[in-house]
Amino acid sequence: GETMVDIFQEYPDEVEYIFKPSCVALMRCGGCCNDEALECVPTEVYNVTMEIMKLKPFQSQHIHPMSFQQHSKCECRPKKEVRIRQENHCEPCSERRKHLYKQDPLTCKCS
């Protein structure tokens, strides 16, 4: 659905600017899926360009075309965190020397 998105969230490197408007309405996937292990993710995206005023306090202001990602299709897919949790199937390295070991997540070898 349509979500108000903070421009700083999309352009985190441009902290020296103030944007007007500071938020834009974009079509974004989100919300709940019927299963806790699933999340709503975009399966199709496209870019849209909007004219945004970029202000540098006491210096300059320019209207810039800025590009934002919109989602055109959403789907419920397994959450990434859940997948990671399943991958970490290793027994922890022996307690006594735990801090001396690095564990290989694929082979579970402690070295």
PDB file of N, CA and C in Angstrom:
ATOM      1  N   GLY A   1       0.813  -1.192   0.000  1.00  0.00           N
ATOM      2  CA  GLY A   1       0.000   0.000   0.000  1.00  0.00           C
ATOM      3  C   GLY A   1       0.858   1.258   0.000  1.00  0.00           C
ATOM      4  N   GLU A   2       0.199   2.400   0.030  1.00  0.00           N
ATOM      5  CA  GLU A   2       0.924   3.670   0.021  1.00  0.00           C
ATOM      6  C   GLU A   2       1.469   3.956   1.413  1.00  0.00           C
ATOM      7  N   THR A   3       2.750   4.252   1.472  1.00  0.00           N
ATOM      8  CA  THR A   3       3.431   4.493   2.742  1.00  0.00           C
ATOM      9  C   THR A   3       4.155   5.822   2.663  1.00  0.00           C
ATOM     10  N   MET A   4       4.126   6.576   3.754  1.00  0.00           N
ATOM     11  CA  MET A   4       4.923   7.794   3.801  1.00  0.00           C
ATOM     12  C   MET A   4       6.349   7.406   4.178  1.00  0.00           C
ATOM     13  N   VAL A   5       7.282   7.722   3.300  1.00  0.00           N
ATOM     14  CA  VAL A   5       8.672   7.319   3.514  1.00  0.00           C
ATOM     15  C   VAL A   5       9.530   8.564   3.707  1.00  0.00           C
ATOM     16  N   ASP A   6      10.352   8.544   4.747  1.00  0.00           N
ATOM     17  CA  ASP A   6      11.268   9.640   5.035  1.00  0.00           C
ATOM     18  C   ASP A   6      12.386   9.625   3.989  1.00  0.00           C
ATOM     19  N   ILE A   7      12.634  10.762   3.349  1.00  0.00           N
ATOM     20  CA  ILE A   7      13.663  10.812   2.302  1.00  0.00           C
ATOM     21  C   ILE A   7      15.040  10.469   2.869  1.00  0.00           C
ATOM     22  N   PHE A   8      15.306  10.858   4.123  1.00  0.00           N
ATOM     23  CA  PHE A   8      16.604  10.525   4.738  1.00  0.00           C
ATOM     24  C   PHE A   8      16.835   9.022   4.788  1.00  0.00           C
ATOM     25  N   GLN A   9      15.742   8.277   4.960  1.00  0.00           N
ATOM     26  CA  GLN A   9      15.839   6.824   4.998  1.00  0.00           C
ATOM     27  C   GLN A   9      16.352   6.291   3.655  1.00  0.00           C
ATOM     28  N   GLU A  10      15.936   6.953   2.565  1.00  0.00           N
ATOM     29  CA  GLU A  10      16.324   6.515   1.222  1.00  0.00           C
ATOM     30  C   GLU A  10      17.693   7.067   0.819  1.00  0.00           C
ATOM     31  N   TYR A  11      18.038   8.236   1.344  1.00  0.00           N
ATOM     32  CA  TYR A  11      19.313   8.882   1.006  1.00  0.00           C
ATOM     33  C   TYR A  11      20.084   9.203   2.285  1.00  0.00           C
ATOM     34  N   PRO A  12      20.533   8.177   3.016  1.00  0.00           N
ATOM     35  CA  PRO A  12      21.152   8.430   4.332  1.00  0.00           C
ATOM     36  C   PRO A  12      22.457   9.220   4.259  1.00  0.00           C
ATOM     37  N   ASP A  13      23.102   9.256   3.086  1.00  0.00           N
ATOM     38  CA  ASP A  13      24.384   9.966   2.974  1.00  0.00           C
ATOM     39  C   ASP A  13      24.206  11.475   2.834  1.00  0.00           C
ATOM     40  N   GLU A  14      23.010  11.923   2.526  1.00  0.00           N
ATOM     41  CA  GLU A  14      22.815  13.348   2.244  1.00  0.00           C
ATOM     42  C   GLU A  14      22.357  14.110   3.482  1.00  0.00           C
ATOM     43  N   VAL A  15      23.057  13.870   4.592  1.00  0.00           N
ATOM     44  CA  VAL A  15      22.622  14.448   5.870  1.00  0.00           C
ATOM     45  C   VAL A  15      22.752  15.961   5.925  1.00  0.00           C
ATOM     46  N   GLU A  16      23.580  16.541   5.059  1.00  0.00           N
ATOM     47  CA  GLU A  16      23.769  17.998   5.152  1.00  0.00           C
ATOM     48  C   GLU A  16      22.579  18.761   4.573  1.00  0.00           C
ATOM     49  N   TYR A  17      21.676  18.075   3.913  1.00  0.00           N
ATOM     50  CA  TYR A  17      20.529  18.742   3.294  1.00  0.00           C
ATOM     51  C   TYR A  17      19.270  18.627   4.138  1.00  0.00           C
ATOM     52  N   ILE A  18      18.388  19.592   3.921  1.00  0.00           N
ATOM     53  CA  ILE A  18      17.027  19.487   4.427  1.00  0.00           C
ATOM     54  C   ILE A  18      16.161  19.296   3.188  1.00  0.00           C
ATOM     55  N   PHE A  19      15.288  18.318   3.218  1.00  0.00           N
ATOM     56  CA  PHE A  19      14.434  18.058   2.062  1.00  0.00           C
ATOM     57  C   PHE A  19      13.046  18.634   2.291  1.00  0.00           C
ATOM     58  N   LYS A  20      12.494  19.212   1.221  1.00  0.00           N
ATOM     59  CA  LYS A  20      11.101  19.654   1.258  1.00  0.00           C
ATOM     60  C   LYS A  20      10.398  19.083   0.049  1.00  0.00           C
ATOM     61  N   PRO A  21       9.372  18.292   0.176  1.00  0.00           N
ATOM     62  CA  PRO A  21       8.863  17.726   1.426  1.00  0.00           C
ATOM     63  C   PRO A  21       9.883  16.774   2.051  1.00  0.00           C
ATOM     64  N   SER A  22       9.755  16.512   3.344  1.00  0.00           N
ATOM     65  CA  SER A  22      10.724  15.612   3.984  1.00  0.00           C
ATOM     66  C   SER A  22      10.316  14.150   3.814  1.00  0.00           C
ATOM     67  N   CYS A  23       9.035  13.936   3.488  1.00  0.00           N
ATOM     68  CA  CYS A  23       8.531  12.576   3.254  1.00  0.00           C
ATOM     69  C   CYS A  23       7.844  12.522   1.899  1.00  0.00           C
ATOM     70  N   VAL A  24       7.866  11.354   1.289  1.00  0.00           N
ATOM     71  CA  VAL A  24       7.156  11.147   0.028  1.00  0.00           C
ATOM     72  C   VAL A  24       6.255   9.925   0.160  1.00  0.00           C
ATOM     73  N   ALA A  25       5.137   9.956  -0.558  1.00  0.00           N
ATOM     74  CA  ALA A  25       4.207   8.820  -0.539  1.00  0.00           C
ATOM     75  C   ALA A  25       4.633   7.831  -1.615  1.00  0.00           C
ATOM     76  N   LEU A  26       4.985   6.636  -1.197  1.00  0.00           N
ATOM     77  CA  LEU A  26       5.444   5.608  -2.134  1.00  0.00           C
ATOM     78  C   LEU A  26       4.652   4.329  -1.929  1.00  0.00           C
ATOM     79  N   MET A  27       4.511   3.566  -2.997  1.00  0.00           N
ATOM     80  CA  MET A  27       3.891   2.252  -2.879  1.00  0.00           C
ATOM     81  C   MET A  27       4.959   1.300  -2.355  1.00  0.00           C
ATOM     82  N   ARG A  28       4.720   0.766  -1.181  1.00  0.00           N
ATOM     83  CA  ARG A  28       5.684  -0.134  -0.550  1.00  0.00           C
ATOM     84  C   ARG A  28       4.962  -1.351   0.013  1.00  0.00           C
ATOM     85  N   CYS A  29       5.620  -2.489  -0.061  1.00  0.00           N
ATOM     86  CA  CYS A  29       5.070  -3.690   0.559  1.00  0.00           C
ATOM     87  C   CYS A  29       5.272  -3.589   2.060  1.00  0.00           C
ATOM     88  N   GLY A  30       4.389  -4.205   2.804  1.00  0.00           N
ATOM     89  CA  GLY A  30       4.543  -4.187   4.249  1.00  0.00           C
ATOM     90  C   GLY A  30       3.348  -4.841   4.900  1.00  0.00           C
ATOM     91  N   GLY A  31       3.296  -4.727   6.203  1.00  0.00           N
ATOM     92  CA  GLY A  31       2.176  -5.301   6.922  1.00  0.00           C
ATOM     93  C   GLY A  31       2.398  -6.777   7.204  1.00  0.00           C
ATOM     94  N   CYS A  32       1.335  -7.416   7.664  1.00  0.00           N
ATOM     95  CA  CYS A  32       1.430  -8.789   8.154  1.00  0.00           C
ATOM     96  C   CYS A  32       1.170  -9.808   7.067  1.00  0.00           C
ATOM     97  N   CYS A  33       1.784 -10.957   7.242  1.00  0.00           N
ATOM     98  CA  CYS A  33       1.384 -12.152   6.518  1.00  0.00           C
ATOM     99  C   CYS A  33       0.689 -13.045   7.548  1.00  0.00           C
ATOM    100  N   ASN A  34      -0.049 -14.032   7.080  1.00  0.00           N
ATOM    101  CA  ASN A  34      -0.811 -14.867   8.019  1.00  0.00           C
ATOM    102  C   ASN A  34       0.054 -15.746   8.894  1.00  0.00           C
ATOM    103  N   ASP A  35       1.332 -15.841   8.566  1.00  0.00           N
ATOM    104  CA  ASP A  35       2.234 -16.723   9.299  1.00  0.00           C
ATOM    105  C   ASP A  35       3.375 -15.878   9.856  1.00  0.00           C
ATOM    106  N   GLU A  36       3.699 -16.076  11.134  1.00  0.00           N
ATOM    107  CA  GLU A  36       4.780 -15.323  11.787  1.00  0.00           C
ATOM    108  C   GLU A  36       6.110 -15.456  11.057  1.00  0.00           C
ATOM    109  N   ALA A  37       6.346 -16.609  10.415  1.00  0.00           N
ATOM    110  CA  ALA A  37       7.640 -16.863   9.773  1.00  0.00           C
ATOM    111  C   ALA A  37       7.741 -16.182   8.410  1.00  0.00           C
ATOM    112  N   LEU A  38       6.640 -15.581   7.964  1.00  0.00           N
ATOM    113  CA  LEU A  38       6.645 -14.942   6.649  1.00  0.00           C
ATOM    114  C   LEU A  38       6.662 -13.428   6.797  1.00  0.00           C
ATOM    115  N   GLU A  39       7.202 -12.766   5.775  1.00  0.00           N
ATOM    116  CA  GLU A  39       7.131 -11.306   5.738  1.00  0.00           C
ATOM    117  C   GLU A  39       6.715 -10.884   4.340  1.00  0.00           C
ATOM    118  N   CYS A  40       6.123  -9.710   4.249  1.00  0.00           N
ATOM    119  CA  CYS A  40       5.655  -9.193   2.970  1.00  0.00           C
ATOM    120  C   CYS A  40       6.816  -8.481   2.284  1.00  0.00           C
ATOM    121  N   VAL A  41       7.251  -9.011   1.150  1.00  0.00           N
ATOM    122  CA  VAL A  41       8.408  -8.442   0.453  1.00  0.00           C
ATOM    123  C   VAL A  41       8.058  -8.136  -1.001  1.00  0.00           C
ATOM    124  N   PRO A  42       8.767  -7.152  -1.596  1.00  0.00           N
ATOM    125  CA  PRO A  42       8.496  -6.825  -2.996  1.00  0.00           C
ATOM    126  C   PRO A  42       9.064  -7.888  -3.937  1.00  0.00           C
ATOM    127  N   THR A  43       8.282  -8.275  -4.934  1.00  0.00           N
ATOM    128  CA  THR A  43       8.796  -9.175  -5.969  1.00  0.00           C
ATOM    129  C   THR A  43       8.983  -8.421  -7.283  1.00  0.00           C
ATOM    130  N   GLU A  44       8.410  -7.223  -7.370  1.00  0.00           N
ATOM    131  CA  GLU A  44       8.643  -6.363  -8.536  1.00  0.00           C
ATOM    132  C   GLU A  44       8.787  -4.933  -8.059  1.00  0.00           C
ATOM    133  N   VAL A  45       9.839  -4.268  -8.531  1.00  0.00           N
ATOM    134  CA  VAL A  45      10.066  -2.879  -8.134  1.00  0.00           C
ATOM    135  C   VAL A  45      10.323  -2.029  -9.373  1.00  0.00           C
ATOM    136  N   TYR A  46      10.091  -0.742  -9.249  1.00  0.00           N
ATOM    137  CA  TYR A  46      10.445   0.187 -10.317  1.00  0.00           C
ATOM    138  C   TYR A  46      10.782   1.519  -9.673  1.00  0.00           C
ATOM    139  N   ASN A  47      11.474   2.370 -10.419  1.00  0.00           N
ATOM    140  CA  ASN A  47      11.867   3.666  -9.870  1.00  0.00           C
ATOM    141  C   ASN A  47      10.928   4.760 -10.349  1.00  0.00           C
ATOM    142  N   VAL A  48      10.707   5.700  -9.474  1.00  0.00           N
ATOM    143  CA  VAL A  48       9.885   6.855  -9.802  1.00  0.00           C
ATOM    144  C   VAL A  48      10.708   8.089  -9.435  1.00  0.00           C
ATOM    145  N   THR A  49      10.596   9.134 -10.242  1.00  0.00           N
ATOM    146  CA  THR A  49      11.365  10.354  -9.989  1.00  0.00           C
ATOM    147  C   THR A  49      10.424  11.452  -9.513  1.00  0.00           C
ATOM    148  N   MET A  50      10.838  12.143  -8.457  1.00  0.00           N
ATOM    149  CA  MET A  50      10.036  13.248  -7.925  1.00  0.00           C
ATOM    150  C   MET A  50      10.919  14.477  -7.785  1.00  0.00           C
ATOM    151  N   GLU A  51      10.290  15.637  -7.938  1.00  0.00           N
ATOM    152  CA  GLU A  51      11.013  16.897  -7.758  1.00  0.00           C
ATOM    153  C   GLU A  51      11.045  17.224  -6.265  1.00  0.00           C
ATOM    154  N   ILE A  52      12.232  17.264  -5.710  1.00  0.00           N
ATOM    155  CA  ILE A  52      12.378  17.528  -4.279  1.00  0.00           C
ATOM    156  C   ILE A  52      13.269  18.756  -4.093  1.00  0.00           C
ATOM    157  N   MET A  53      12.862  19.628  -3.186  1.00  0.00           N
ATOM    158  CA  MET A  53      13.684  20.791  -2.854  1.00  0.00           C
ATOM    159  C   MET A  53      14.768  20.364  -1.872  1.00  0.00           C
ATOM    160  N   LYS A  54      16.038  20.594  -2.269  1.00  0.00           N
ATOM    161  CA  LYS A  54      17.161  20.283  -1.377  1.00  0.00           C
ATOM    162  C   LYS A  54      17.708  21.590  -0.830  1.00  0.00           C
ATOM    163  N   LEU A  55      17.617  21.744   0.477  1.00  0.00           N
ATOM    164  CA  LEU A  55      18.083  22.972   1.115  1.00  0.00           C
ATOM    165  C   LEU A  55      19.356  22.712   1.888  1.00  0.00           C
ATOM    166  N   LYS A  56      20.315  23.626   1.726  1.00  0.00           N
ATOM    167  CA  LYS A  56      21.466  23.639   2.620  1.00  0.00           C
ATOM    168  C   LYS A  56      21.294  24.890   3.454  1.00  0.00           C
ATOM    169  N   PRO A  57      21.103  24.725   4.771  1.00  0.00           N
ATOM    170  CA  PRO A  57      20.797  25.903   5.593  1.00  0.00           C
ATOM    171  C   PRO A  57      21.768  27.067   5.346  1.00  0.00           C
ATOM    172  N   PHE A  58      21.205  28.231   5.082  1.00  0.00           N
ATOM    173  CA  PHE A  58      21.950  29.490   4.858  1.00  0.00           C
ATOM    174  C   PHE A  58      22.879  29.439   3.652  1.00  0.00           C
ATOM    175  N   GLN A  59      22.757  28.435   2.806  1.00  0.00           N
ATOM    176  CA  GLN A  59      23.649  28.387   1.648  1.00  0.00           C
ATOM    177  C   GLN A  59      22.881  28.357   0.346  1.00  0.00           C
ATOM    178  N   SER A  60      22.144  27.282   0.131  1.00  0.00           N
ATOM    179  CA  SER A  60      21.542  27.142  -1.184  1.00  0.00           C
ATOM    180  C   SER A  60      20.253  26.355  -1.101  1.00  0.00           C
ATOM    181  N   GLN A  61      19.449  26.507  -2.137  1.00  0.00           N
ATOM    182  CA  GLN A  61      18.312  25.615  -2.287  1.00  0.00           C
ATOM    183  C   GLN A  61      18.097  25.349  -3.766  1.00  0.00           C
ATOM    184  N   HIS A  62      17.924  24.096  -4.087  1.00  0.00           N
ATOM    185  CA  HIS A  62      17.718  23.691  -5.474  1.00  0.00           C
ATOM    186  C   HIS A  62      16.601  22.668  -5.521  1.00  0.00           C
ATOM    187  N   ILE A  63      15.862  22.697  -6.621  1.00  0.00           N
ATOM    188  CA  ILE A  63      14.895  21.622  -6.827  1.00  0.00           C
ATOM    189  C   ILE A  63      15.589  20.546  -7.648  1.00  0.00           C
ATOM    190  N   HIS A  64      15.595  19.356  -7.116  1.00  0.00           N
ATOM    191  CA  HIS A  64      16.291  18.239  -7.746  1.00  0.00           C
ATOM    192  C   HIS A  64      15.321  17.127  -8.068  1.00  0.00           C
ATOM    193  N   PRO A  65      15.480  16.503  -9.239  1.00  0.00           N
ATOM    194  CA  PRO A  65      14.744  15.256  -9.432  1.00  0.00           C
ATOM    195  C   PRO A  65      15.429  14.167  -8.606  1.00  0.00           C
ATOM    196  N   MET A  66      14.677  13.485  -7.770  1.00  0.00           N
ATOM    197  CA  MET A  66      15.246  12.406  -6.960  1.00  0.00           C
ATOM    198  C   MET A  66      14.491  11.128  -7.247  1.00  0.00           C
ATOM    199  N   SER A  67      15.233  10.041  -7.272  1.00  0.00           N
ATOM    200  CA  SER A  67      14.661   8.760  -7.650  1.00  0.00           C
ATOM    201  C   SER A  67      14.314   7.940  -6.409  1.00  0.00           C
ATOM    202  N   PHE A  68      13.145   7.317  -6.415  1.00  0.00           N
ATOM    203  CA  PHE A  68      12.698   6.484  -5.297  1.00  0.00           C
ATOM    204  C   PHE A  68      12.181   5.158  -5.833  1.00  0.00           C
ATOM    205  N   GLN A  69      12.338   4.136  -5.011  1.00  0.00           N
ATOM    206  CA  GLN A  69      11.879   2.816  -5.421  1.00  0.00           C
ATOM    207  C   GLN A  69      10.431   2.596  -4.991  1.00  0.00           C
ATOM    208  N   GLN A  70       9.618   2.179  -5.939  1.00  0.00           N
ATOM    209  CA  GLN A  70       8.245   1.796  -5.618  1.00  0.00           C
ATOM    210  C   GLN A  70       8.123   0.290  -5.808  1.00  0.00           C
ATOM    211  N   HIS A  71       7.217  -0.320  -5.074  1.00  0.00           N
ATOM    212  CA  HIS A  71       6.983  -1.760  -5.186  1.00  0.00           C
ATOM    213  C   HIS A  71       5.696  -1.972  -5.979  1.00  0.00           C
ATOM    214  N   SER A  72       5.757  -2.780  -7.023  1.00  0.00           N
ATOM    215  CA  SER A  72       4.541  -3.019  -7.799  1.00  0.00           C
ATOM    216  C   SER A  72       3.912  -4.372  -7.506  1.00  0.00           C
ATOM    217  N   LYS A  73       4.679  -5.287  -6.907  1.00  0.00           N
ATOM    218  CA  LYS A  73       4.117  -6.592  -6.528  1.00  0.00           C
ATOM    219  C   LYS A  73       4.698  -7.033  -5.202  1.00  0.00           C
ATOM    220  N   CYS A  74       3.842  -7.586  -4.359  1.00  0.00           N
ATOM    221  CA  CYS A  74       4.296  -8.060  -3.051  1.00  0.00           C
ATOM    222  C   CYS A  74       3.959  -9.538  -2.905  1.00  0.00           C
ATOM    223  N   GLU A  75       4.732 -10.203  -2.076  1.00  0.00           N
ATOM    224  CA  GLU A  75       4.468 -11.606  -1.781  1.00  0.00           C
ATOM    225  C   GLU A  75       4.906 -11.920  -0.365  1.00  0.00           C
ATOM    226  N   CYS A  76       4.254 -12.901   0.247  1.00  0.00           N
ATOM    227  CA  CYS A  76       4.693 -13.365   1.557  1.00  0.00           C
ATOM    228  C   CYS A  76       5.791 -14.399   1.356  1.00  0.00           C
ATOM    229  N   ARG A  77       6.957 -14.112   1.892  1.00  0.00           N
ATOM    230  CA  ARG A  77       8.115 -15.002   1.750  1.00  0.00           C
ATOM    231  C   ARG A  77       8.687 -15.274   3.136  1.00  0.00           C
ATOM    232  N   PRO A  78       9.435 -16.394   3.289  1.00  0.00           N
ATOM    233  CA  PRO A  78      10.035 -16.674   4.608  1.00  0.00           C
ATOM    234  C   PRO A  78      10.949 -15.537   5.050  1.00  0.00           C
ATOM    235  N   LYS A  79      10.879 -15.176   6.321  1.00  0.00           N
ATOM    236  CA  LYS A  79      11.723 -14.105   6.857  1.00  0.00           C
ATOM    237  C   LYS A  79      13.177 -14.523   6.839  1.00  0.00           C
ATOM    238  N   LYS A  80      14.056 -13.556   6.591  1.00  0.00           N
ATOM    239  CA  LYS A  80      15.493 -13.842   6.548  1.00  0.00           C
ATOM    240  C   LYS A  80      16.015 -14.286   7.906  1.00  0.00           C
ATOM    241  N   GLU A  81      15.567 -13.624   8.991  1.00  0.00           N
ATOM    242  CA  GLU A  81      16.098 -13.987  10.317  1.00  0.00           C
ATOM    243  C   GLU A  81      15.802 -15.446  10.635  1.00  0.00           C
ATOM    244  N   VAL A  82      14.643 -15.912  10.214  1.00  0.00           N
ATOM    245  CA  VAL A  82      14.258 -17.293  10.510  1.00  0.00           C
ATOM    246  C   VAL A  82      15.222 -18.235   9.806  1.00  0.00           C
ATOM    247  N   ARG A  83      15.546 -17.908   8.559  1.00  0.00           N
ATOM    248  CA  ARG A  83      16.466 -18.743   7.795  1.00  0.00           C
ATOM    249  C   ARG A  83      17.837 -18.779   8.450  1.00  0.00           C
ATOM    250  N   ILE A  84      18.295 -17.631   8.921  1.00  0.00           N
ATOM    251  CA  ILE A  84      19.609 -17.564   9.571  1.00  0.00           C
ATOM    252  C   ILE A  84      19.612 -18.419  10.833  1.00  0.00           C
ATOM    253  N   ARG A  85      18.526 -18.339  11.599  1.00  0.00           N
ATOM    254  CA  ARG A  85      18.441 -19.111  12.832  1.00  0.00           C
ATOM    255  C   ARG A  85      18.570 -20.606  12.544  1.00  0.00           C
ATOM    256  N   GLN A  86      17.967 -21.054  11.453  1.00  0.00           N
ATOM    257  CA  GLN A  86      18.029 -22.475  11.115  1.00  0.00           C
ATOM    258  C   GLN A  86      19.439 -22.869  10.685  1.00  0.00           C
ATOM    259  N   GLU A  87      20.143 -21.938  10.025  1.00  0.00           N
ATOM    260  CA  GLU A  87      21.491 -22.254   9.550  1.00  0.00           C
ATOM    261  C   GLU A  87      22.453 -22.471  10.707  1.00  0.00           C
ATOM    262  N   ASN A  88      22.226 -21.760  11.804  1.00  0.00           N
ATOM    263  CA  ASN A  88      23.161 -21.869  12.916  1.00  0.00           C
ATOM    264  C   ASN A  88      22.804 -23.086  13.767  1.00  0.00           C
ATOM    265  N   HIS A  89      23.188 -24.269  13.274  1.00  0.00           N
ATOM    266  CA  HIS A  89      22.791 -25.532  13.894  1.00  0.00           C
ATOM    267  C   HIS A  89      23.923 -26.103  14.736  1.00  0.00           C
ATOM    268  N   CYS A  90      25.022 -25.355  14.863  1.00  0.00           N
ATOM    269  CA  CYS A  90      26.210 -25.879  15.527  1.00  0.00           C
ATOM    270  C   CYS A  90      26.047 -25.882  17.043  1.00  0.00           C
ATOM    271  N   GLU A  91      26.679 -26.834  17.666  1.00  0.00           N
ATOM    272  CA  GLU A  91      26.829 -26.822  19.123  1.00  0.00           C
ATOM    273  C   GLU A  91      27.870 -25.751  19.436  1.00  0.00           C
ATOM    274  N   PRO A  92      27.709 -25.024  20.537  1.00  0.00           N
ATOM    275  CA  PRO A  92      28.740 -24.020  20.842  1.00  0.00           C
ATOM    276  C   PRO A  92      30.083 -24.685  21.143  1.00  0.00           C
ATOM    277  N   CYS A  93      31.171 -23.946  20.923  1.00  0.00           N
ATOM    278  CA  CYS A  93      32.509 -24.452  21.246  1.00  0.00           C
ATOM    279  C   CYS A  93      32.579 -24.700  22.754  1.00  0.00           C
ATOM    280  N   SER A  94      33.476 -25.579  23.176  1.00  0.00           N
ATOM    281  CA  SER A  94      33.504 -25.969  24.591  1.00  0.00           C
ATOM    282  C   SER A  94      33.647 -24.733  25.475  1.00  0.00           C
ATOM    283  N   GLU A  95      32.868 -24.698  26.541  1.00  0.00           N
ATOM    284  CA  GLU A  95      32.764 -23.534  27.417  1.00  0.00           C
ATOM    285  C   GLU A  95      34.117 -22.985  27.851  1.00  0.00           C
ATOM    286  N   ARG A  96      34.995 -23.899  28.282  1.00  0.00           N
ATOM    287  CA  ARG A  96      36.240 -23.494  28.911  1.00  0.00           C
ATOM    288  C   ARG A  96      37.053 -22.535  28.038  1.00  0.00           C
ATOM    289  N   ARG A  97      37.082 -22.841  26.738  1.00  0.00           N
ATOM    290  CA  ARG A  97      37.961 -22.069  25.862  1.00  0.00           C
ATOM    291  C   ARG A  97      37.177 -21.263  24.836  1.00  0.00           C
ATOM    292  N   LYS A  98      35.910 -21.056  25.111  1.00  0.00           N
ATOM    293  CA  LYS A  98      35.049 -20.450  24.098  1.00  0.00           C
ATOM    294  C   LYS A  98      35.665 -19.189  23.483  1.00  0.00           C
ATOM    295  N   HIS A  99      36.249 -18.350  24.326  1.00  0.00           N
ATOM    296  CA  HIS A  99      36.758 -17.071  23.828  1.00  0.00           C
ATOM    297  C   HIS A  99      38.001 -17.242  22.956  1.00  0.00           C
ATOM    298  N   LEU A 100      38.594 -18.427  22.962  1.00  0.00           N
ATOM    299  CA  LEU A 100      39.785 -18.641  22.132  1.00  0.00           C
ATOM    300  C   LEU A 100      39.411 -19.154  20.748  1.00  0.00           C
ATOM    301  N   TYR A 101      38.182 -19.574  20.603  1.00  0.00           N
ATOM    302  CA  TYR A 101      37.791 -20.249  19.367  1.00  0.00           C
ATOM    303  C   TYR A 101      37.039 -19.340  18.415  1.00  0.00           C
ATOM    304  N   LYS A 102      37.235 -19.637  17.141  1.00  0.00           N
ATOM    305  CA  LYS A 102      36.349 -19.120  16.104  1.00  0.00           C
ATOM    306  C   LYS A 102      35.646 -20.339  15.528  1.00  0.00           C
ATOM    307  N   GLN A 103      34.339 -20.222  15.353  1.00  0.00           N
ATOM    308  CA  GLN A 103      33.605 -21.381  14.852  1.00  0.00           C
ATOM    309  C   GLN A 103      33.221 -21.176  13.395  1.00  0.00           C
ATOM    310  N   ASP A 104      33.466 -22.197  12.604  1.00  0.00           N
ATOM    311  CA  ASP A 104      33.060 -22.157  11.207  1.00  0.00           C
ATOM    312  C   ASP A 104      31.582 -22.548  11.145  1.00  0.00           C
ATOM    313  N   PRO A 105      30.722 -21.629  10.694  1.00  0.00           N
ATOM    314  CA  PRO A 105      29.287 -21.928  10.724  1.00  0.00           C
ATOM    315  C   PRO A 105      28.889 -23.064   9.774  1.00  0.00           C
ATOM    316  N   LEU A 106      29.718 -23.358   8.779  1.00  0.00           N
ATOM    317  CA  LEU A 106      29.366 -24.426   7.841  1.00  0.00           C
ATOM    318  C   LEU A 106      29.750 -25.798   8.370  1.00  0.00           C
ATOM    319  N   THR A 107      30.962 -25.915   8.915  1.00  0.00           N
ATOM    320  CA  THR A 107      31.439 -27.229   9.352  1.00  0.00           C
ATOM    321  C   THR A 107      31.274 -27.418  10.855  1.00  0.00           C
ATOM    322  N   CYS A 108      30.994 -26.337  11.588  1.00  0.00           N
ATOM    323  CA  CYS A 108      30.881 -26.347  13.056  1.00  0.00           C
ATOM    324  C   CYS A 108      32.226 -26.587  13.732  1.00  0.00           C
ATOM    325  N   LYS A 109      33.318 -26.598  12.970  1.00  0.00           N
ATOM    326  CA  LYS A 109      34.633 -26.818  13.573  1.00  0.00           C
ATOM    327  C   LYS A 109      35.031 -25.600  14.388  1.00  0.00           C
ATOM    328  N   CYS A 110      35.592 -25.854  15.564  1.00  0.00           N
ATOM    329  CA  CYS A 110      36.113 -24.760  16.381  1.00  0.00           C
ATOM    330  C   CYS A 110      37.619 -24.700  16.151  1.00  0.00           C
ATOM    331  N   SER A 111      38.124 -23.521  15.879  1.00  0.00           N
ATOM    332  CA  SER A 111      39.568 -23.425  15.629  1.00  0.00           C
ATOM    333  C   SER A 111      40.142 -22.203  16.331  1.00  0.00           C
TER     334      SER A 111
END
